[in-house]
Structures are given as C-alpha cells and as structure tokens.
Amino acid sequence: MFEKLPDQPSGPRRNRHGRGRRGPLIPMHVPAYRTRPERFDDAVMASAQRLAQRWESRMVLIDFRILPVPSDKLLDLAHAAGDRVPLSSSRAATATERARVSIYRLPLEQLASSTVELVDLVHQCIVHEVSELWMIPVNEVDPEYFPEDPDF
C-alpha cells in the first residue's frame, strides 16, 4: 500500500507538460538577461572599482549598500528640511563600524532617462558621498570625471 519513494529521480526532470527540459528563455548575451536591479548593482560596482584604482587603500574601508528606497526616517528628515528624496547617503566610521555609503536604486532609476545617464548618476552619487566622508572636494576624489566644476 505504501511504497518507498526513490531517493533520486529515475530520469531527467521534465516540466509539468512532459516536454522535457527547458533551457533559459533569454540567451546570456542579450541585455534583457540581467534584471534592472542586477544592472544597477553592476553600475555601483563599476563606480566603486573605478575609485578603487585611485584610492585603493581608502576605498577598502567603505561598505557600499544598495537599497530600493530611503528609510522613512531619512525621508522625514529630507521633507522637514525641504529637500528632495535623497539619492544616496553616507555614514562615517565609528570605533565599531566601518564607513558606509548607501545608494537608493528606485529614486535614481526614476530620475535617469537612459541607462548611460543612470550610470553617470550612480557615479556622481558615489563620488559625492565619498567626498563627504573624506571631507575633500569631489574633483579630488575623481579628477577625470569631475574637472574643476564649482557647481557640483
């Protein structure tokens, strides 16, 4: 009456319609293979690596976080100050915690009109937050990307 179930499946796994294994729906070389959050993660990683080429010893001391949206507390502080929704934030290092830069994906994606603009905005946010952490001008953090520009 009760049969023992096999430990391993007897044959190749099939989908529920019995048509056999299915491969990926989108080939790996097509841009749609990666999701928007994965592409955003890549942009943050590329920006951090770009800065690490110049500031390797100092960049390893910073943790990067990617969050969908800012916290309610941060939104309330921005609203009270009359500012827009924050695109990024940073926290200086303490005796027990490392310095941290937080990048908010959804506000940046809504602000950017293209993928190229999104990559630029991500890099601008990271450079801005790093310059605030280190208390140096943004054109010193990345002089190739930010030439002598007093407006930023």
C-alpha atoms as a PDB file:
ATOM      1  CA  MET A   1       0.000   0.000   0.000  1.00  0.00           C
ATOM      2  CA  PHE A   2       2.774   2.472   0.905  1.00  0.00           C
ATOM      3  CA  GLU A   3       5.662   2.420  -1.482  1.00  0.00           C
ATOM      4  CA  LYS A   4       9.022   3.790  -0.607  1.00  0.00           C
ATOM      5  CA  LEU A   5       9.826   6.870  -2.700  1.00  0.00           C
ATOM      6  CA  PRO A   6      13.140   6.718  -4.545  1.00  0.00           C
ATOM      7  CA  ASP A   7      15.967   8.862  -3.219  1.00  0.00           C
ATOM      8  CA  GLN A   8      16.905  10.053  -6.678  1.00  0.00           C
ATOM      9  CA  PRO A   9      14.592  10.747  -9.614  1.00  0.00           C
ATOM     10  CA  SER A  10      14.674   7.923 -12.119  1.00  0.00           C
ATOM     11  CA  GLY A  11      15.107  10.075 -15.202  1.00  0.00           C
ATOM     12  CA  PRO A  12      15.713  13.611 -16.316  1.00  0.00           C
ATOM     13  CA  ARG A  13      13.397  16.169 -14.749  1.00  0.00           C
ATOM     14  CA  ARG A  14      10.674  17.371 -17.036  1.00  0.00           C
ATOM     15  CA  ASN A  15       8.416  20.334 -16.871  1.00  0.00           C
ATOM     16  CA  ARG A  16       4.786  19.867 -15.929  1.00  0.00           C
ATOM     17  CA  HIS A  17       3.697  19.374 -19.547  1.00  0.00           C
ATOM     18  CA  GLY A  18       6.109  16.487 -20.109  1.00  0.00           C
ATOM     19  CA  ARG A  19       8.021  18.178 -22.916  1.00  0.00           C
ATOM     20  CA  GLY A  20      11.437  17.711 -21.376  1.00  0.00           C
ATOM     21  CA  ARG A  21      13.998  20.113 -20.042  1.00  0.00           C
ATOM     22  CA  ARG A  22      13.765  23.699 -20.966  1.00  0.00           C
ATOM     23  CA  GLY A  23      16.692  25.987 -21.435  1.00  0.00           C
ATOM     24  CA  PRO A  24      16.892  29.645 -20.500  1.00  0.00           C
ATOM     25  CA  LEU A  25      14.219  31.798 -22.092  1.00  0.00           C
ATOM     26  CA  ILE A  26      16.655  34.596 -22.854  1.00  0.00           C
ATOM     27  CA  PRO A  27      20.204  33.955 -24.098  1.00  0.00           C
ATOM     28  CA  MET A  28      23.011  35.216 -21.872  1.00  0.00           C
ATOM     29  CA  HIS A  29      24.367  37.656 -24.457  1.00  0.00           C
ATOM     30  CA  VAL A  30      21.085  39.599 -24.698  1.00  0.00           C
ATOM     31  CA  PRO A  31      20.832  42.681 -22.410  1.00  0.00           C
ATOM     32  CA  ALA A  32      17.464  41.534 -21.059  1.00  0.00           C
ATOM     33  CA  TYR A  33      19.162  38.520 -19.461  1.00  0.00           C
ATOM     34  CA  ARG A  34      20.106  40.669 -16.447  1.00  0.00           C
ATOM     35  CA  THR A  35      17.386  42.300 -14.395  1.00  0.00           C
ATOM     36  CA  ARG A  36      17.275  46.027 -13.640  1.00  0.00           C
ATOM     37  CA  PRO A  37      18.473  45.540 -10.055  1.00  0.00           C
ATOM     38  CA  GLU A  38      21.372  43.405 -11.305  1.00  0.00           C
ATOM     39  CA  ARG A  39      22.348  46.080 -13.845  1.00  0.00           C
ATOM     40  CA  PHE A  40      22.135  48.717 -11.094  1.00  0.00           C
ATOM     41  CA  ASP A  41      24.393  46.586  -8.888  1.00  0.00           C
ATOM     42  CA  ASP A  42      26.862  46.407 -11.782  1.00  0.00           C
ATOM     43  CA  ALA A  43      26.853  50.217 -12.104  1.00  0.00           C
ATOM     44  CA  VAL A  44      27.589  50.659  -8.385  1.00  0.00           C
ATOM     45  CA  MET A  45      30.340  48.040  -8.520  1.00  0.00           C
ATOM     46  CA  ALA A  46      31.919  49.642 -11.600  1.00  0.00           C
ATOM     47  CA  SER A  47      31.916  53.056  -9.941  1.00  0.00           C
ATOM     48  CA  ALA A  48      33.472  51.714  -6.748  1.00  0.00           C
ATOM     49  CA  GLN A  49      36.132  49.841  -8.741  1.00  0.00           C
ATOM     50  CA  ARG A  50      36.907  52.979 -10.714  1.00  0.00           C
ATOM     51  CA  LEU A  51      37.554  54.875  -7.489  1.00  0.00           C
ATOM     52  CA  ALA A  52      39.499  51.928  -6.054  1.00  0.00           C
ATOM     53  CA  GLN A  53      42.025  52.249  -8.866  1.00  0.00           C
ATOM     54  CA  ARG A  54      42.968  55.674  -7.498  1.00  0.00           C
ATOM     55  CA  TRP A  55      42.208  55.256  -3.785  1.00  0.00           C
ATOM     56  CA  GLU A  56      42.700  51.541  -3.161  1.00  0.00           C
ATOM     57  CA  SER A  57      43.814  51.739   0.473  1.00  0.00           C
ATOM     58  CA  ARG A  58      40.991  54.098   1.453  1.00  0.00           C
ATOM     59  CA  MET A  59      38.173  52.525  -0.576  1.00  0.00           C
ATOM     60  CA  VAL A  60      38.512  49.129   1.105  1.00  0.00           C
ATOM     61  CA  LEU A  61      37.409  50.814   4.338  1.00  0.00           C
ATOM     62  CA  ILE A  62      33.980  51.740   2.926  1.00  0.00           C
ATOM     63  CA  ASP A  63      30.980  49.408   2.732  1.00  0.00           C
ATOM     64  CA  PHE A  64      28.510  50.017  -0.090  1.00  0.00           C
ATOM     65  CA  ARG A  65      24.824  49.235   0.357  1.00  0.00           C
ATOM     66  CA  ILE A  66      22.210  49.230  -2.362  1.00  0.00           C
ATOM     67  CA  LEU A  67      18.698  49.775  -1.090  1.00  0.00           C
ATOM     68  CA  PRO A  68      15.460  50.151  -3.061  1.00  0.00           C
ATOM     69  CA  VAL A  69      14.344  53.363  -1.301  1.00  0.00           C
ATOM     70  CA  PRO A  70      15.495  55.534   1.607  1.00  0.00           C
ATOM     71  CA  SER A  71      14.191  54.749   5.075  1.00  0.00           C
ATOM     72  CA  ASP A  72      11.158  56.555   6.453  1.00  0.00           C
ATOM     73  CA  LYS A  73      13.368  58.376   8.930  1.00  0.00           C
ATOM     74  CA  LEU A  74      15.612  59.693   6.158  1.00  0.00           C
ATOM     75  CA  LEU A  75      12.587  60.706   4.071  1.00  0.00           C
ATOM     76  CA  ASP A  76      11.094  62.575   7.035  1.00  0.00           C
ATOM     77  CA  LEU A  77      14.372  64.416   7.624  1.00  0.00           C
ATOM     78  CA  ALA A  78      14.574  65.407   3.947  1.00  0.00           C
ATOM     79  CA  HIS A  79      10.940  66.544   3.937  1.00  0.00           C
ATOM     80  CA  ALA A  80      11.432  68.604   7.122  1.00  0.00           C
ATOM     81  CA  ALA A  81      14.465  70.300   5.576  1.00  0.00           C
ATOM     82  CA  GLY A  82      12.555  70.957   2.341  1.00  0.00           C
ATOM     83  CA  ASP A  83      14.865  68.742   0.314  1.00  0.00           C
ATOM     84  CA  ARG A  84      14.018  66.243  -2.397  1.00  0.00           C
ATOM     85  CA  VAL A  85      14.108  62.481  -1.930  1.00  0.00           C
ATOM     86  CA  PRO A  86      17.702  61.514  -1.166  1.00  0.00           C
ATOM     87  CA  LEU A  87      19.518  59.574  -3.879  1.00  0.00           C
ATOM     88  CA  SER A  88      22.302  58.398  -1.590  1.00  0.00           C
ATOM     89  CA  SER A  89      23.575  58.796   1.944  1.00  0.00           C
ATOM     90  CA  SER A  90      26.702  58.077   3.923  1.00  0.00           C
ATOM     91  CA  ARG A  91      27.684  57.344   7.487  1.00  0.00           C
ATOM     92  CA  ALA A  92      31.137  57.948   8.863  1.00  0.00           C
ATOM     93  CA  ALA A  93      33.100  55.174  10.504  1.00  0.00           C
ATOM     94  CA  THR A  94      32.884  54.661  14.243  1.00  0.00           C
ATOM     95  CA  ALA A  95      35.004  52.662  16.648  1.00  0.00           C
ATOM     96  CA  THR A  96      32.919  49.540  15.999  1.00  0.00           C
ATOM     97  CA  GLU A  97      31.572  50.034  12.451  1.00  0.00           C
ATOM     98  CA  ARG A  98      33.049  50.804   9.079  1.00  0.00           C
ATOM     99  CA  ALA A  99      32.091  53.793   6.946  1.00  0.00           C
ATOM    100  CA  ARG A 100      29.028  53.137   4.806  1.00  0.00           C
ATOM    101  CA  VAL A 101      27.650  54.585   1.585  1.00  0.00           C
ATOM    102  CA  SER A 102      24.025  53.779   0.753  1.00  0.00           C
ATOM    103  CA  ILE A 103      22.723  54.145  -2.793  1.00  0.00           C
ATOM    104  CA  TYR A 104      18.949  54.185  -3.395  1.00  0.00           C
ATOM    105  CA  ARG A 105      18.014  52.395  -6.608  1.00  0.00           C
ATOM    106  CA  LEU A 106      14.430  53.467  -7.326  1.00  0.00           C
ATOM    107  CA  PRO A 107      14.882  57.259  -6.966  1.00  0.00           C
ATOM    108  CA  LEU A 108      17.929  57.101  -9.226  1.00  0.00           C
ATOM    109  CA  GLU A 109      16.161  54.948 -11.815  1.00  0.00           C
ATOM    110  CA  GLN A 110      13.195  57.341 -11.859  1.00  0.00           C
ATOM    111  CA  LEU A 111      15.470  60.343 -12.284  1.00  0.00           C
ATOM    112  CA  ALA A 112      17.551  58.893 -15.125  1.00  0.00           C
ATOM    113  CA  SER A 113      16.169  58.912 -18.642  1.00  0.00           C
ATOM    114  CA  SER A 114      18.596  56.315 -20.046  1.00  0.00           C
ATOM    115  CA  THR A 115      20.990  53.620 -18.941  1.00  0.00           C
ATOM    116  CA  VAL A 116      24.002  55.824 -19.665  1.00  0.00           C
ATOM    117  CA  GLU A 117      22.534  58.628 -17.573  1.00  0.00           C
ATOM    118  CA  LEU A 118      21.823  56.168 -14.754  1.00  0.00           C
ATOM    119  CA  VAL A 119      25.452  55.014 -14.703  1.00  0.00           C
ATOM    120  CA  ASP A 120      26.572  58.664 -14.579  1.00  0.00           C
ATOM    121  CA  LEU A 121      24.158  59.486 -11.756  1.00  0.00           C
ATOM    122  CA  VAL A 122      25.306  56.480  -9.743  1.00  0.00           C
ATOM    123  CA  HIS A 123      28.930  57.526 -10.134  1.00  0.00           C
ATOM    124  CA  GLN A 124      28.112  61.135  -9.199  1.00  0.00           C
ATOM    125  CA  CYS A 125      26.324  59.980  -6.052  1.00  0.00           C
ATOM    126  CA  ILE A 126      29.152  57.696  -5.008  1.00  0.00           C
ATOM    127  CA  VAL A 127      31.805  60.349  -5.618  1.00  0.00           C
ATOM    128  CA  HIS A 128      29.728  62.916  -3.728  1.00  0.00           C
ATOM    129  CA  GLU A 129      29.248  60.644  -0.712  1.00  0.00           C
ATOM    130  CA  VAL A 130      32.911  59.594  -0.668  1.00  0.00           C
ATOM    131  CA  SER A 131      33.988  63.243  -0.811  1.00  0.00           C
ATOM    132  CA  GLU A 132      31.731  63.989   2.171  1.00  0.00           C
ATOM    133  CA  LEU A 133      33.166  61.048   4.118  1.00  0.00           C
ATOM    134  CA  TRP A 134      36.745  62.060   3.425  1.00  0.00           C
ATOM    135  CA  MET A 135      35.998  65.827   3.576  1.00  0.00           C
ATOM    136  CA  ILE A 136      37.755  66.598   0.305  1.00  0.00           C
ATOM    137  CA  PRO A 137      36.363  68.235  -2.871  1.00  0.00           C
ATOM    138  CA  VAL A 138      34.696  65.996  -5.451  1.00  0.00           C
ATOM    139  CA  ASN A 139      37.203  66.949  -8.135  1.00  0.00           C
ATOM    140  CA  GLU A 140      39.959  65.466  -5.960  1.00  0.00           C
ATOM    141  CA  VAL A 141      38.095  62.182  -5.493  1.00  0.00           C
ATOM    142  CA  ASP A 142      37.754  61.665  -9.262  1.00  0.00           C
ATOM    143  CA  PRO A 143      39.500  64.440 -11.232  1.00  0.00           C
ATOM    144  CA  GLU A 144      38.902  62.768 -14.612  1.00  0.00           C
ATOM    145  CA  TYR A 145      35.164  62.609 -14.122  1.00  0.00           C
ATOM    146  CA  PHE A 146      34.755  65.896 -12.271  1.00  0.00           C
ATOM    147  CA  PRO A 147      37.005  68.583 -13.692  1.00  0.00           C
ATOM    148  CA  GLU A 148      37.173  71.931 -11.876  1.00  0.00           C
ATOM    149  CA  ASP A 149      33.415  72.379 -11.537  1.00  0.00           C
ATOM    150  CA  PRO A 150      32.354  74.675  -8.688  1.00  0.00           C
ATOM    151  CA  ASP A 151      28.646  73.943  -9.216  1.00  0.00           C
ATOM    152  CA  PHE A 152      28.758  70.334  -8.101  1.00  0.00           C
END
